[in-house]
């Protein structure tokens, strides 16, 4: 009669598999934690039957997308705020230049120029952000090692923060 292994043990095996542990190390971990022997072929059979590889790929992709989306959303929100600020400055300067509300026309022209230049810089940043998103998409599709992806995501995040800190 086949041995019935509790669901809790199978779920722990799946969790360890998703973390990237090898099947022999999963078998050892289960023996240590639950004091039960789960043979290596059984773990392979579970992985195949319950499609753990497919789930692992989906989970990894979702995690990377979440990280990428979170950083991207924050960066995009900041850029949109800057674009709105520069747009308001440009519009106000343009209206005041027409209405001669500035003490000197040169001040209105300078404010208008600052608004226009600011909008250009922000739009260039948005284009750069789209380029980074496209590159991340390629990396996520082509790299299967989750640790490598995490290191790349961390380095890209550091680059973005460095550029933000230096005002570029």
C-alpha atoms as a PDB file:
ATOM      1  CA  UNK A   1       0.000   0.000   0.000  1.00  0.00           C
ATOM      2  CA  UNK A   2       1.434   3.391  -0.984  1.00  0.00           C
ATOM      3  CA  UNK A   3       2.449   5.780   1.725  1.00  0.00           C
ATOM      4  CA  UNK A   4       0.212   8.852   2.002  1.00  0.00           C
ATOM      5  CA  UNK A   5       2.249  11.991   2.627  1.00  0.00           C
ATOM      6  CA  UNK A   6       0.433  14.873   4.311  1.00  0.00           C
ATOM      7  CA  UNK A   7      -0.453  17.921   2.213  1.00  0.00           C
ATOM      8  CA  UNK A   8       1.619  20.142   4.513  1.00  0.00           C
ATOM      9  CA  UNK A   9       4.793  18.297   3.510  1.00  0.00           C
ATOM     10  CA  UNK A  10       4.020  18.525  -0.202  1.00  0.00           C
ATOM     11  CA  UNK A  11       3.346  22.252   0.167  1.00  0.00           C
ATOM     12  CA  UNK A  12       6.652  22.725   1.988  1.00  0.00           C
ATOM     13  CA  UNK A  13       8.395  20.836  -0.813  1.00  0.00           C
ATOM     14  CA  UNK A  14       6.752  23.122  -3.350  1.00  0.00           C
ATOM     15  CA  UNK A  15       7.800  26.210  -1.374  1.00  0.00           C
ATOM     16  CA  UNK A  16      11.422  25.034  -1.287  1.00  0.00           C
ATOM     17  CA  UNK A  17      11.272  24.213  -5.000  1.00  0.00           C
ATOM     18  CA  UNK A  18       9.968  27.716  -5.740  1.00  0.00           C
ATOM     19  CA  UNK A  19      12.850  29.165  -3.729  1.00  0.00           C
ATOM     20  CA  UNK A  20      15.221  27.407  -6.119  1.00  0.00           C
ATOM     21  CA  UNK A  21      16.484  24.599  -3.914  1.00  0.00           C
ATOM     22  CA  UNK A  22      17.566  21.368  -5.546  1.00  0.00           C
ATOM     23  CA  UNK A  23      15.390  18.281  -5.256  1.00  0.00           C
ATOM     24  CA  UNK A  24      17.942  16.386  -3.105  1.00  0.00           C
ATOM     25  CA  UNK A  25      18.192  19.351  -0.710  1.00  0.00           C
ATOM     26  CA  UNK A  26      14.376  19.502  -0.564  1.00  0.00           C
ATOM     27  CA  UNK A  27      14.298  15.839   0.396  1.00  0.00           C
ATOM     28  CA  UNK A  28      16.852  16.470   3.160  1.00  0.00           C
ATOM     29  CA  UNK A  29      15.011  19.557   4.413  1.00  0.00           C
ATOM     30  CA  UNK A  30      11.734  17.662   4.618  1.00  0.00           C
ATOM     31  CA  UNK A  31      13.421  14.828   6.522  1.00  0.00           C
ATOM     32  CA  UNK A  32      14.875  17.331   8.980  1.00  0.00           C
ATOM     33  CA  UNK A  33      11.737  19.426   9.450  1.00  0.00           C
ATOM     34  CA  UNK A  34       9.049  16.738   9.414  1.00  0.00           C
ATOM     35  CA  UNK A  35      11.043  13.637  10.367  1.00  0.00           C
ATOM     36  CA  UNK A  36       9.735  11.824   7.301  1.00  0.00           C
ATOM     37  CA  UNK A  37      11.571  10.408   4.299  1.00  0.00           C
ATOM     38  CA  UNK A  38      10.343  11.754   0.978  1.00  0.00           C
ATOM     39  CA  UNK A  39      12.196  10.091  -1.845  1.00  0.00           C
ATOM     40  CA  UNK A  40      13.704  12.181  -4.603  1.00  0.00           C
ATOM     41  CA  UNK A  41      11.588  10.537  -7.361  1.00  0.00           C
ATOM     42  CA  UNK A  42       8.460  11.466  -5.373  1.00  0.00           C
ATOM     43  CA  UNK A  43       9.462  15.138  -5.351  1.00  0.00           C
ATOM     44  CA  UNK A  44      10.179  15.009  -9.083  1.00  0.00           C
ATOM     45  CA  UNK A  45       6.763  13.411  -9.627  1.00  0.00           C
ATOM     46  CA  UNK A  46       5.073  16.157  -7.585  1.00  0.00           C
ATOM     47  CA  UNK A  47       6.908  18.837  -9.519  1.00  0.00           C
ATOM     48  CA  UNK A  48       5.705  17.327 -12.781  1.00  0.00           C
ATOM     49  CA  UNK A  49       2.168  16.516 -11.629  1.00  0.00           C
ATOM     50  CA  UNK A  50       1.511  19.913 -10.059  1.00  0.00           C
ATOM     51  CA  UNK A  51       3.496  21.867 -12.681  1.00  0.00           C
ATOM     52  CA  UNK A  52       5.819  23.514 -10.209  1.00  0.00           C
ATOM     53  CA  UNK A  53       8.246  24.646 -12.928  1.00  0.00           C
ATOM     54  CA  UNK A  54       5.518  26.556 -14.721  1.00  0.00           C
ATOM     55  CA  UNK A  55       4.334  28.038 -11.418  1.00  0.00           C
ATOM     56  CA  UNK A  56       7.917  29.024 -10.558  1.00  0.00           C
ATOM     57  CA  UNK A  57       8.339  30.820 -13.876  1.00  0.00           C
ATOM     58  CA  UNK A  58       5.014  32.616 -13.448  1.00  0.00           C
ATOM     59  CA  UNK A  59       5.820  33.589  -9.858  1.00  0.00           C
ATOM     60  CA  UNK A  60       9.282  34.864 -10.829  1.00  0.00           C
ATOM     61  CA  UNK A  61       7.882  36.853 -13.713  1.00  0.00           C
ATOM     62  CA  UNK A  62       5.154  38.320 -11.518  1.00  0.00           C
ATOM     63  CA  UNK A  63       7.668  39.258  -8.811  1.00  0.00           C
ATOM     64  CA  UNK A  64       9.999  40.938 -11.288  1.00  0.00           C
ATOM     65  CA  UNK A  65       7.070  42.742 -12.912  1.00  0.00           C
ATOM     66  CA  UNK A  66       5.916  43.957  -9.505  1.00  0.00           C
ATOM     67  CA  UNK A  67       9.378  45.291  -8.639  1.00  0.00           C
ATOM     68  CA  UNK A  68       9.770  46.852 -12.050  1.00  0.00           C
ATOM     69  CA  UNK A  69       6.259  48.300 -11.971  1.00  0.00           C
ATOM     70  CA  UNK A  70       6.652  49.749  -8.494  1.00  0.00           C
ATOM     71  CA  UNK A  71       9.899  51.560  -9.311  1.00  0.00           C
ATOM     72  CA  UNK A  72       8.624  52.542 -12.726  1.00  0.00           C
ATOM     73  CA  UNK A  73       5.396  53.920 -11.297  1.00  0.00           C
ATOM     74  CA  UNK A  74       7.260  55.982  -8.705  1.00  0.00           C
ATOM     75  CA  UNK A  75       9.643  57.366 -11.283  1.00  0.00           C
ATOM     76  CA  UNK A  76       6.822  58.066 -13.751  1.00  0.00           C
ATOM     77  CA  UNK A  77       4.775  59.821 -11.045  1.00  0.00           C
ATOM     78  CA  UNK A  78       7.701  62.070 -10.153  1.00  0.00           C
ATOM     79  CA  UNK A  79       8.307  62.870 -13.807  1.00  0.00           C
ATOM     80  CA  UNK A  80       4.641  63.670 -14.353  1.00  0.00           C
ATOM     81  CA  UNK A  81       4.658  65.992 -11.347  1.00  0.00           C
ATOM     82  CA  UNK A  82       7.717  67.786 -12.735  1.00  0.00           C
ATOM     83  CA  UNK A  83       6.147  68.042 -16.158  1.00  0.00           C
ATOM     84  CA  UNK A  84       2.992  69.531 -14.635  1.00  0.00           C
ATOM     85  CA  UNK A  85       5.028  72.010 -12.562  1.00  0.00           C
ATOM     86  CA  UNK A  86       7.031  73.156 -15.568  1.00  0.00           C
ATOM     87  CA  UNK A  87       3.863  73.326 -17.658  1.00  0.00           C
ATOM     88  CA  UNK A  88       2.188  75.580 -15.077  1.00  0.00           C
ATOM     89  CA  UNK A  89       5.282  77.784 -14.919  1.00  0.00           C
ATOM     90  CA  UNK A  90       5.382  78.078 -18.706  1.00  0.00           C
ATOM     91  CA  UNK A  91       1.656  78.878 -18.930  1.00  0.00           C
ATOM     92  CA  UNK A  92       1.805  81.431 -16.127  1.00  0.00           C
ATOM     93  CA  UNK A  93       4.850  83.128 -17.628  1.00  0.00           C
ATOM     94  CA  UNK A  94       3.225  83.170 -21.048  1.00  0.00           C
ATOM     95  CA  UNK A  95       0.026  84.731 -19.662  1.00  0.00           C
ATOM     96  CA  UNK A  96       1.929  87.278 -17.599  1.00  0.00           C
ATOM     97  CA  UNK A  97       4.143  88.141 -20.548  1.00  0.00           C
ATOM     98  CA  UNK A  98       1.008  88.873 -22.583  1.00  0.00           C
ATOM     99  CA  UNK A  99      -0.559  90.866 -19.730  1.00  0.00           C
ATOM    100  CA  UNK A 100       2.680  92.605 -18.737  1.00  0.00           C
ATOM    101  CA  UNK A 101       2.241  91.481 -15.121  1.00  0.00           C
ATOM    102  CA  UNK A 102       5.977  90.985 -14.605  1.00  0.00           C
ATOM    103  CA  UNK A 103       7.928  94.065 -13.482  1.00  0.00           C
ATOM    104  CA  UNK A 104      10.234  93.566 -16.443  1.00  0.00           C
ATOM    105  CA  UNK A 105       9.501  91.713 -19.687  1.00  0.00           C
ATOM    106  CA  UNK A 106      12.870  89.993 -19.338  1.00  0.00           C
ATOM    107  CA  UNK A 107      11.670  88.267 -16.123  1.00  0.00           C
ATOM    108  CA  UNK A 108       8.602  86.876 -17.899  1.00  0.00           C
ATOM    109  CA  UNK A 109      10.696  85.702 -20.854  1.00  0.00           C
ATOM    110  CA  UNK A 110      13.177  84.029 -18.499  1.00  0.00           C
ATOM    111  CA  UNK A 111      10.362  82.245 -16.582  1.00  0.00           C
ATOM    112  CA  UNK A 112       8.854  81.110 -19.897  1.00  0.00           C
ATOM    113  CA  UNK A 113      12.233  79.781 -21.027  1.00  0.00           C
ATOM    114  CA  UNK A 114      12.721  77.911 -17.747  1.00  0.00           C
ATOM    115  CA  UNK A 115       9.279  76.317 -18.124  1.00  0.00           C
ATOM    116  CA  UNK A 116       9.945  75.197 -21.699  1.00  0.00           C
ATOM    117  CA  UNK A 117      13.421  73.817 -20.893  1.00  0.00           C
ATOM    118  CA  UNK A 118      12.061  72.009 -17.845  1.00  0.00           C
ATOM    119  CA  UNK A 119       9.316  70.355 -19.873  1.00  0.00           C
ATOM    120  CA  UNK A 120      11.894  69.184 -22.426  1.00  0.00           C
ATOM    121  CA  UNK A 121      14.124  67.671 -19.750  1.00  0.00           C
ATOM    122  CA  UNK A 122      11.223  65.826 -18.146  1.00  0.00           C
ATOM    123  CA  UNK A 123      10.019  64.467 -21.497  1.00  0.00           C
ATOM    124  CA  UNK A 124      13.559  63.277 -22.284  1.00  0.00           C
ATOM    125  CA  UNK A 125      13.537  61.477 -18.908  1.00  0.00           C
ATOM    126  CA  UNK A 126      10.242  59.814 -19.812  1.00  0.00           C
ATOM    127  CA  UNK A 127      11.763  58.585 -23.061  1.00  0.00           C
ATOM    128  CA  UNK A 128      14.762  57.237 -21.116  1.00  0.00           C
ATOM    129  CA  UNK A 129      12.416  55.517 -18.653  1.00  0.00           C
ATOM    130  CA  UNK A 130      10.607  53.775 -21.522  1.00  0.00           C
ATOM    131  CA  UNK A 131      13.984  52.589 -22.825  1.00  0.00           C
ATOM    132  CA  UNK A 132      14.862  51.149 -19.396  1.00  0.00           C
ATOM    133  CA  UNK A 133      11.454  49.431 -19.230  1.00  0.00           C
ATOM    134  CA  UNK A 134      12.032  47.888 -22.659  1.00  0.00           C
ATOM    135  CA  UNK A 135      15.469  46.637 -21.569  1.00  0.00           C
ATOM    136  CA  UNK A 136      14.011  45.170 -18.363  1.00  0.00           C
ATOM    137  CA  UNK A 137      11.404  43.364 -20.447  1.00  0.00           C
ATOM    138  CA  UNK A 138      14.119  41.777 -22.575  1.00  0.00           C
ATOM    139  CA  UNK A 139      16.138  40.797 -19.493  1.00  0.00           C
ATOM    140  CA  UNK A 140      13.124  39.218 -17.776  1.00  0.00           C
ATOM    141  CA  UNK A 141      12.353  37.189 -20.890  1.00  0.00           C
ATOM    142  CA  UNK A 142      15.920  36.025 -21.479  1.00  0.00           C
ATOM    143  CA  UNK A 143      17.371  35.460 -17.987  1.00  0.00           C
ATOM    144  CA  UNK A 144      16.084  32.473 -16.061  1.00  0.00           C
ATOM    145  CA  UNK A 145      18.190  32.885 -12.912  1.00  0.00           C
ATOM    146  CA  UNK A 146      16.123  34.848 -10.383  1.00  0.00           C
ATOM    147  CA  UNK A 147      19.195  35.881  -8.368  1.00  0.00           C
ATOM    148  CA  UNK A 148      20.767  37.449 -11.454  1.00  0.00           C
ATOM    149  CA  UNK A 149      17.501  39.270 -12.202  1.00  0.00           C
ATOM    150  CA  UNK A 150      17.326  40.572  -8.649  1.00  0.00           C
ATOM    151  CA  UNK A 151      20.918  41.864  -8.831  1.00  0.00           C
ATOM    152  CA  UNK A 152      20.193  43.573 -12.159  1.00  0.00           C
ATOM    153  CA  UNK A 153      16.984  45.129 -10.805  1.00  0.00           C
ATOM    154  CA  UNK A 154      18.904  46.379  -7.743  1.00  0.00           C
ATOM    155  CA  UNK A 155      21.644  47.913  -9.911  1.00  0.00           C
ATOM    156  CA  UNK A 156      19.110  49.594 -12.215  1.00  0.00           C
ATOM    157  CA  UNK A 157      17.285  50.975  -9.185  1.00  0.00           C
ATOM    158  CA  UNK A 158      20.595  52.325  -7.847  1.00  0.00           C
ATOM    159  CA  UNK A 159      21.311  53.961 -11.210  1.00  0.00           C
ATOM    160  CA  UNK A 160      17.915  55.652 -11.247  1.00  0.00           C
ATOM    161  CA  UNK A 161      18.357  56.876  -7.669  1.00  0.00           C
ATOM    162  CA  UNK A 162      21.847  58.182  -8.477  1.00  0.00           C
ATOM    163  CA  UNK A 163      20.477  60.090 -11.460  1.00  0.00           C
ATOM    164  CA  UNK A 164      17.633  61.464  -9.273  1.00  0.00           C
ATOM    165  CA  UNK A 165      20.110  62.503  -6.575  1.00  0.00           C
ATOM    166  CA  UNK A 166      22.289  64.358  -9.077  1.00  0.00           C
ATOM    167  CA  UNK A 167      19.308  66.030 -10.740  1.00  0.00           C
ATOM    168  CA  UNK A 168      19.872  64.336 -14.106  1.00  0.00           C
END
